[in-house]
Amino acid sequence: MARKEIQVGLEIGTTKVCAVVAECQENGGIRILGVGETPSRGVRKGEIVDFENASNCVRDALSDAEEKSDVEIESVWLAVTGSHIRSFNNRGSANIPEESSEITEEEIQDVEFKAKEISLPKENAILHSIIQHYYVDGQEGVLNPVGMLGSRLEADFHIIHGVTNRIQNSIRCVKECHIEVEDVVVSSLASAQVVLGENQKESGALVIDIGGGVTDYIVYLDGAVRHSGVLAVGGDHITNDISIGLRIPITRAEKLKTEEGSAELGKSLPGEKIVLKNDTGFSGKEVEREMLNMIMHARLEELFVLLKKRLSGEVSEHLIGAGVMLTGGCSQIRGIRGIAESVFGMPVHLTRAQAVSGPTSAYENPQFSTCIGLAKYAQAVRSEMPESSFLKGFLGNFFKKISPFSSRR
């Protein structure tokens, strides 16, 4: 099988580092060949805080993926996240030369360049410039203006940017393992590739990916990305609240959340207790189930309210016809769907990667949505779909700055 048919997605998350090896099929499907994962160390809120520990975790996850897929990994598509990720919409325009009046690829590149010609903080770089809509002499609904006649071309783009050094740290963790980075992709954009269908993008959809340390979100309207961002709130905040509220160690709080936790209120019996057994350094304890549920409910409700405020003024909620798509590890918390429906006032769906084959334990687990989405994104780029315009020139500058880590295995 040709090497180019295999793509690897890598996510350096707050609670886990995950690598998915996938075969990109001609019919547009994705077949998972192997998944490697390891508990994450040296990462906080989706960003590297201990380079050596994080690099070791990346190495372990990639080795695990190689063993399970029987594929030697030479390069990856890397997900990036963090509260420093920002976005906005901007329009570029260009006049068409009178002597030809035919729109070419040169004019397309020109309007994109002008849309990105904005003032960013000096420490930031543009990650994605995603086309939304083209206009030729004011005509709306133009899908591909190349070859059309006109005197003026305009285009709306969704621009995503972030702090250069923070993104470089993630890239360096990979290159330390003598693995190349094909491209960096914002996590929410990757997840959307596999949890949303084209009809949902056209109808309008909000994807919320709740991970261990952050919550990534992205909004599609009329088939195009309208808004995106990252909240520095995730599953570890719920765990911390449980630890403080019930006065138990953080490790026991995490286990309690995943094994017994629910965000549904009024479902437990009056006075119902959960028995926590003795453990090293912990003498055991009984906790009220309803108190646990109240803590989890309060934190999740706070998260959704905060996100709703972020979207206010950016997106008209009545345009999100397909509703909210929840994914990520925390989307598995019992009762989360009801809280989201109450806050957003629209249908909420628990979702995972679609149009994927291979081990069901991988694609049925919403924790892997981002990693699988990276492979789908790579497939789109290789097929010269619209996504191929993302990240032009971005990695070139990165690699020049980190040449000591550029050797390949």
Foldseek 3Di string as FASTA:
>chain_A
DDPLQWAKAWAQAPFKTKIWIWGQDPVLFIETQFMFMDTHDQDALQFGNDLVRSLVRNLRRQVRRCVRRVDDAAEHAYAGAHQQKFKDKFKFKDFDDPVPQFDAVVRVVRGQVRRPPDDDPPQKDWFWWAWDWKAAVNDTDDDDRGGPGGGMIMTMTMIMMGGPVRVLSVQLSQLLSQHHYPGYDHLQQLLCLFFDDQVLLQQKEKEWAAECFKIWIWIHYNSTTQGIGMGRHHNLVLLVLQCVVVVHDSVVSVVCQVPPEALDAPPDDVPDWDWAPDDVVRHTDIDGRRSSNPSNNVSLLVVLLVVVVVCVPRDDLVSSRVYYEYFAQVLPHHPSQVSNCVNSVTHYHHTFGPSYHYPCVQGVHRNNSSRVSSVSLSVCLVVVHSSVNGRPPPVVVSCVVVVVSNHTD
